[in-house]
Amino acid sequence: QVQLVESGGGLVQPGGSLRLSCAASGFIFSSYTMSWYRQAPGKERELVATITSAGGSPNYADSVKGRFTISRDNAKNTVYLQINSLKPEDTAVYYCNARGRFFVYWGQGTQVTVSS
């Protein structure tokens, strides 16, 4: 049974930080490219960051470059998203995504709310 379980979201003040985690199970994690997406109310889901199966070549949306860092630990089957200098426009549900050669998996999402 494939599972992607996100955690670490919450309410944070502007300028604050959060570390999101996504724990994977049920598939060969180290063979999958991992990404974080987000979806704000009334908007389409957008790609935030991607990291290759071996942990290299991270890519980021222009809106988060320099503030977000994606990383992974293949020994723990977990991908992380460090979010710094949070802005109100970062408020969204953040989703973990696993993309392999034949399959794509999604987590259920974790809410990040940036507000004073």
N, C-alpha and C. Protein backbone atom coordinates (compact mmCIF):
# COMPACT_ATOMS: atom_id res chain seq x y z
N GLN A 1 0.85 -1.19 0.00
CA GLN A 1 0.00 0.00 0.00
C GLN A 1 0.89 1.24 0.00
N VAL A 2 0.74 2.05 -1.04
CA VAL A 2 1.54 3.25 -1.16
C VAL A 2 1.00 4.34 -0.25
N GLN A 3 1.91 4.98 0.46
CA GLN A 3 1.53 6.10 1.31
C GLN A 3 2.57 7.20 1.22
N LEU A 4 2.09 8.43 1.15
CA LEU A 4 2.90 9.62 1.31
C LEU A 4 2.21 10.44 2.38
N VAL A 5 2.88 10.63 3.50
CA VAL A 5 2.28 11.30 4.64
C VAL A 5 3.06 12.57 4.95
N GLU A 6 2.44 13.71 4.70
CA GLU A 6 3.08 14.99 4.98
C GLU A 6 2.83 15.41 6.43
N SER A 7 3.76 16.16 6.95
CA SER A 7 3.62 16.72 8.29
C SER A 7 4.46 17.98 8.38
N GLY A 8 4.23 18.74 9.45
CA GLY A 8 5.04 19.92 9.71
C GLY A 8 4.38 21.24 9.38
N GLY A 9 3.20 21.20 8.80
CA GLY A 9 2.51 22.44 8.50
C GLY A 9 1.97 23.09 9.76
N GLY A 10 1.45 24.30 9.59
CA GLY A 10 0.89 25.00 10.74
C GLY A 10 0.72 26.47 10.46
N LEU A 11 0.43 27.19 11.53
CA LEU A 11 0.27 28.64 11.47
C LEU A 11 1.57 29.29 11.89
N VAL A 12 2.07 30.19 11.08
CA VAL A 12 3.34 30.85 11.37
C VAL A 12 3.24 32.32 10.98
N GLN A 13 3.97 33.16 11.67
CA GLN A 13 3.98 34.58 11.37
C GLN A 13 4.86 34.87 10.16
N PRO A 14 4.58 35.95 9.44
CA PRO A 14 5.47 36.34 8.34
C PRO A 14 6.91 36.46 8.81
N GLY A 15 7.80 35.94 7.97
CA GLY A 15 9.21 35.91 8.33
C GLY A 15 9.65 34.67 9.04
N GLY A 16 8.70 33.85 9.43
CA GLY A 16 9.02 32.63 10.16
C GLY A 16 9.45 31.50 9.25
N SER A 17 9.67 30.35 9.88
CA SER A 17 10.16 29.18 9.16
C SER A 17 9.36 27.94 9.54
N LEU A 18 9.35 27.00 8.63
CA LEU A 18 8.74 25.69 8.87
C LEU A 18 9.58 24.64 8.13
N ARG A 19 9.52 23.43 8.63
CA ARG A 19 10.12 22.30 7.93
C ARG A 19 9.05 21.26 7.70
N LEU A 20 8.72 21.06 6.45
CA LEU A 20 7.75 20.05 6.09
C LEU A 20 8.46 18.72 5.85
N SER A 21 7.80 17.65 6.22
CA SER A 21 8.32 16.31 5.98
C SER A 21 7.29 15.49 5.22
N CYS A 22 7.76 14.56 4.44
CA CYS A 22 6.88 13.63 3.72
C CYS A 22 7.49 12.24 3.85
N ALA A 23 6.82 11.40 4.60
CA ALA A 23 7.28 10.03 4.82
C ALA A 23 6.62 9.11 3.80
N ALA A 24 7.44 8.37 3.08
CA ALA A 24 6.94 7.51 2.01
C ALA A 24 7.03 6.04 2.41
N SER A 25 6.10 5.24 1.91
CA SER A 25 6.13 3.80 2.11
C SER A 25 5.37 3.12 0.99
N GLY A 26 5.68 1.85 0.79
CA GLY A 26 4.94 1.07 -0.19
C GLY A 26 5.50 1.09 -1.60
N PHE A 27 6.60 1.79 -1.80
CA PHE A 27 7.25 1.80 -3.11
C PHE A 27 8.74 2.06 -2.90
N ILE A 28 9.51 1.91 -3.96
CA ILE A 28 10.96 2.06 -3.87
C ILE A 28 11.29 3.55 -3.93
N PHE A 29 11.33 4.15 -2.78
CA PHE A 29 11.48 5.60 -2.66
C PHE A 29 12.70 6.11 -3.42
N SER A 30 13.80 5.40 -3.31
CA SER A 30 15.06 5.88 -3.90
C SER A 30 15.05 5.90 -5.42
N SER A 31 14.00 5.35 -6.02
CA SER A 31 13.90 5.33 -7.48
C SER A 31 13.00 6.43 -8.03
N TYR A 32 12.46 7.23 -7.13
CA TYR A 32 11.47 8.21 -7.53
C TYR A 32 11.98 9.64 -7.38
N THR A 33 11.68 10.45 -8.37
CA THR A 33 11.84 11.89 -8.23
C THR A 33 10.76 12.40 -7.29
N MET A 34 11.16 13.24 -6.36
CA MET A 34 10.23 13.76 -5.37
C MET A 34 10.04 15.26 -5.55
N SER A 35 8.82 15.69 -5.36
CA SER A 35 8.50 17.11 -5.52
C SER A 35 7.54 17.56 -4.43
N TRP A 36 7.55 18.85 -4.22
CA TRP A 36 6.53 19.51 -3.40
C TRP A 36 5.73 20.44 -4.31
N TYR A 37 4.42 20.36 -4.17
CA TYR A 37 3.50 21.26 -4.83
C TYR A 37 2.74 22.02 -3.75
N ARG A 38 2.08 23.08 -4.16
CA ARG A 38 1.19 23.78 -3.24
C ARG A 38 -0.04 24.28 -4.00
N GLN A 39 -1.11 24.42 -3.26
CA GLN A 39 -2.34 24.94 -3.84
C GLN A 39 -2.98 25.90 -2.86
N ALA A 40 -3.06 27.14 -3.29
CA ALA A 40 -3.72 28.17 -2.49
C ALA A 40 -5.21 28.20 -2.84
N PRO A 41 -6.03 28.72 -1.95
CA PRO A 41 -7.48 28.78 -2.22
C PRO A 41 -7.77 29.52 -3.52
N GLY A 42 -8.56 28.89 -4.38
CA GLY A 42 -8.96 29.51 -5.63
C GLY A 42 -7.91 29.51 -6.71
N LYS A 43 -6.78 28.85 -6.44
CA LYS A 43 -5.71 28.82 -7.44
C LYS A 43 -5.37 27.39 -7.84
N GLU A 44 -4.69 27.27 -8.96
CA GLU A 44 -4.26 25.95 -9.41
C GLU A 44 -3.08 25.46 -8.58
N ARG A 45 -2.93 24.15 -8.55
CA ARG A 45 -1.78 23.57 -7.87
C ARG A 45 -0.52 23.92 -8.66
N GLU A 46 0.51 24.32 -7.95
CA GLU A 46 1.75 24.70 -8.61
C GLU A 46 2.93 23.94 -8.05
N LEU A 47 3.90 23.68 -8.92
CA LEU A 47 5.13 23.00 -8.52
C LEU A 47 6.02 23.98 -7.77
N VAL A 48 6.49 23.55 -6.62
CA VAL A 48 7.34 24.40 -5.78
C VAL A 48 8.80 24.00 -5.88
N ALA A 49 9.06 22.70 -5.74
CA ALA A 49 10.45 22.24 -5.74
C ALA A 49 10.50 20.76 -6.12
N THR A 50 11.61 20.38 -6.73
CA THR A 50 11.81 19.00 -7.19
C THR A 50 13.24 18.57 -6.89
N ILE A 51 13.40 17.29 -6.55
CA ILE A 51 14.72 16.74 -6.31
C ILE A 51 14.79 15.36 -6.95
N THR A 52 15.90 15.05 -7.57
CA THR A 52 16.02 13.77 -8.27
C THR A 52 16.12 12.60 -7.28
N SER A 53 16.05 11.41 -7.81
CA SER A 53 16.05 10.21 -6.97
C SER A 53 17.31 10.10 -6.12
N ALA A 54 18.43 10.55 -6.65
CA ALA A 54 19.70 10.46 -5.92
C ALA A 54 19.94 11.67 -5.02
N GLY A 55 19.04 12.63 -5.07
CA GLY A 55 19.18 13.80 -4.21
C GLY A 55 19.88 14.99 -4.86
N GLY A 56 20.09 14.91 -6.15
CA GLY A 56 20.76 16.01 -6.81
C GLY A 56 19.81 16.90 -7.58
N SER A 57 20.40 17.94 -8.18
CA SER A 57 19.69 18.84 -9.10
C SER A 57 18.36 19.36 -8.59
N PRO A 58 18.32 19.94 -7.40
CA PRO A 58 17.06 20.52 -6.96
C PRO A 58 16.66 21.70 -7.84
N ASN A 59 15.38 21.79 -8.10
CA ASN A 59 14.84 22.89 -8.87
C ASN A 59 13.71 23.54 -8.10
N TYR A 60 13.57 24.85 -8.27
CA TYR A 60 12.60 25.61 -7.51
C TYR A 60 11.80 26.55 -8.41
N ALA A 61 10.58 26.80 -7.99
CA ALA A 61 9.80 27.86 -8.64
C ALA A 61 10.47 29.19 -8.34
N ASP A 62 10.37 30.11 -9.27
CA ASP A 62 11.01 31.41 -9.09
C ASP A 62 10.52 32.10 -7.83
N SER A 63 9.28 31.88 -7.48
CA SER A 63 8.68 32.57 -6.34
C SER A 63 9.26 32.12 -5.00
N VAL A 64 9.97 30.99 -4.97
CA VAL A 64 10.47 30.47 -3.70
C VAL A 64 11.99 30.33 -3.67
N LYS A 65 12.65 30.63 -4.78
CA LYS A 65 14.11 30.49 -4.83
C LYS A 65 14.76 31.35 -3.75
N GLY A 66 15.72 30.75 -3.08
CA GLY A 66 16.44 31.45 -2.02
C GLY A 66 15.77 31.37 -0.66
N ARG A 67 14.52 30.89 -0.63
CA ARG A 67 13.80 30.78 0.65
C ARG A 67 13.45 29.33 0.98
N PHE A 68 13.24 28.51 -0.02
CA PHE A 68 12.85 27.11 0.17
C PHE A 68 14.02 26.20 -0.18
N THR A 69 14.16 25.12 0.56
CA THR A 69 15.18 24.12 0.26
C THR A 69 14.57 22.72 0.34
N ILE A 70 14.68 21.98 -0.75
CA ILE A 70 14.20 20.61 -0.75
C ILE A 70 15.38 19.68 -0.52
N SER A 71 15.14 18.62 0.24
CA SER A 71 16.18 17.63 0.49
C SER A 71 15.49 16.28 0.72
N ARG A 72 16.28 15.24 0.69
CA ARG A 72 15.72 13.91 0.91
C ARG A 72 16.72 13.03 1.64
N ASP A 73 16.19 12.05 2.34
CA ASP A 73 16.99 11.05 3.02
C ASP A 73 16.47 9.70 2.56
N ASN A 74 17.18 9.09 1.63
CA ASN A 74 16.70 7.82 1.07
C ASN A 74 16.75 6.68 2.09
N ALA A 75 17.57 6.82 3.10
CA ALA A 75 17.63 5.80 4.15
C ALA A 75 16.37 5.85 5.02
N LYS A 76 15.77 7.02 5.10
CA LYS A 76 14.56 7.19 5.91
C LYS A 76 13.29 7.28 5.08
N ASN A 77 13.44 7.18 3.75
CA ASN A 77 12.28 7.29 2.85
C ASN A 77 11.49 8.57 3.10
N THR A 78 12.22 9.65 3.24
CA THR A 78 11.58 10.92 3.59
C THR A 78 12.14 12.05 2.74
N VAL A 79 11.25 12.94 2.34
CA VAL A 79 11.66 14.16 1.65
C VAL A 79 11.22 15.34 2.51
N TYR A 80 12.03 16.39 2.48
CA TYR A 80 11.80 17.54 3.33
C TYR A 80 11.67 18.82 2.48
N LEU A 81 11.01 19.78 3.07
CA LEU A 81 10.99 21.12 2.48
C LEU A 81 11.19 22.12 3.61
N GLN A 82 12.36 22.73 3.61
CA GLN A 82 12.65 23.78 4.57
C GLN A 82 12.15 25.10 3.99
N ILE A 83 11.30 25.77 4.73
CA ILE A 83 10.69 27.01 4.25
C ILE A 83 11.10 28.14 5.18
N ASN A 84 11.81 29.11 4.65
CA ASN A 84 12.25 30.25 5.44
C ASN A 84 11.62 31.54 4.91
N SER A 85 11.71 32.58 5.72
CA SER A 85 11.22 33.91 5.31
C SER A 85 9.81 33.83 4.73
N LEU A 86 8.94 33.17 5.46
CA LEU A 86 7.59 32.93 4.96
C LEU A 86 6.83 34.23 4.74
N LYS A 87 6.03 34.22 3.68
CA LYS A 87 5.21 35.36 3.31
C LYS A 87 3.74 34.95 3.31
N PRO A 88 2.84 35.88 3.49
CA PRO A 88 1.42 35.52 3.44
C PRO A 88 1.02 34.80 2.16
N GLU A 89 1.67 35.13 1.06
CA GLU A 89 1.35 34.47 -0.21
C GLU A 89 1.84 33.04 -0.29
N ASP A 90 2.58 32.60 0.71
CA ASP A 90 2.98 31.19 0.79
C ASP A 90 1.87 30.33 1.40
N THR A 91 0.82 30.96 1.88
CA THR A 91 -0.29 30.21 2.47
C THR A 91 -0.92 29.29 1.42
N ALA A 92 -0.96 28.01 1.76
CA ALA A 92 -1.46 27.00 0.81
C ALA A 92 -1.46 25.64 1.49
N VAL A 93 -2.07 24.69 0.83
CA VAL A 93 -1.88 23.29 1.19
C VAL A 93 -0.69 22.79 0.40
N TYR A 94 0.26 22.20 1.09
CA TYR A 94 1.49 21.70 0.46
C TYR A 94 1.38 20.18 0.32
N TYR A 95 1.64 19.73 -0.91
CA TYR A 95 1.51 18.32 -1.24
C TYR A 95 2.86 17.72 -1.63
N CYS A 96 3.05 16.51 -1.21
CA CYS A 96 4.21 15.73 -1.60
C CYS A 96 3.85 14.90 -2.83
N ASN A 97 4.78 14.78 -3.76
CA ASN A 97 4.55 14.06 -5.01
C ASN A 97 5.72 13.15 -5.31
N ALA A 98 5.44 11.93 -5.69
CA ALA A 98 6.47 10.98 -6.10
C ALA A 98 6.22 10.58 -7.54
N ARG A 99 7.25 10.73 -8.37
CA ARG A 99 7.10 10.42 -9.79
C ARG A 99 8.16 9.41 -10.20
N GLY A 100 7.67 8.25 -10.65
CA GLY A 100 8.56 7.21 -11.13
C GLY A 100 8.40 7.02 -12.62
N ARG A 101 8.94 5.95 -13.11
CA ARG A 101 8.88 5.70 -14.56
C ARG A 101 7.45 5.42 -15.00
N PHE A 102 6.69 4.76 -14.15
CA PHE A 102 5.33 4.36 -14.55
C PHE A 102 4.24 4.92 -13.66
N PHE A 103 4.58 5.34 -12.45
CA PHE A 103 3.56 5.72 -11.49
C PHE A 103 3.84 7.10 -10.89
N VAL A 104 2.76 7.73 -10.49
CA VAL A 104 2.82 9.00 -9.78
C VAL A 104 1.95 8.89 -8.53
N TYR A 105 2.49 9.32 -7.41
CA TYR A 105 1.75 9.24 -6.16
C TYR A 105 1.67 10.62 -5.52
N TRP A 106 0.58 10.83 -4.78
CA TRP A 106 0.36 12.10 -4.07
C TRP A 106 0.07 11.85 -2.61
N GLY A 107 0.50 12.76 -1.78
CA GLY A 107 0.11 12.76 -0.38
C GLY A 107 -1.20 13.51 -0.21
N GLN A 108 -1.65 13.56 1.05
CA GLN A 108 -2.94 14.19 1.34
C GLN A 108 -2.82 15.69 1.59
N GLY A 109 -1.60 16.16 1.77
CA GLY A 109 -1.37 17.59 1.96
C GLY A 109 -1.26 18.01 3.40
N THR A 110 -0.55 19.10 3.61
CA THR A 110 -0.44 19.71 4.93
C THR A 110 -0.62 21.21 4.77
N GLN A 111 -1.42 21.80 5.64
CA GLN A 111 -1.77 23.21 5.53
C GLN A 111 -0.66 24.09 6.12
N VAL A 112 -0.25 25.09 5.35
CA VAL A 112 0.65 26.13 5.84
C VAL A 112 -0.09 27.45 5.75
N THR A 113 -0.20 28.12 6.88
CA THR A 113 -0.87 29.42 6.94
C THR A 113 0.10 30.45 7.50
N VAL A 114 0.31 31.51 6.73
CA VAL A 114 1.22 32.57 7.15
C VAL A 114 0.39 33.81 7.43
N SER A 115 0.35 34.17 8.69
CA SER A 115 -0.49 35.29 9.10
C SER A 115 0.00 35.85 10.42
N SER A 116 -0.17 37.15 10.57
CA SER A 116 0.19 37.79 11.84
C SER A 116 -1.05 37.90 12.74
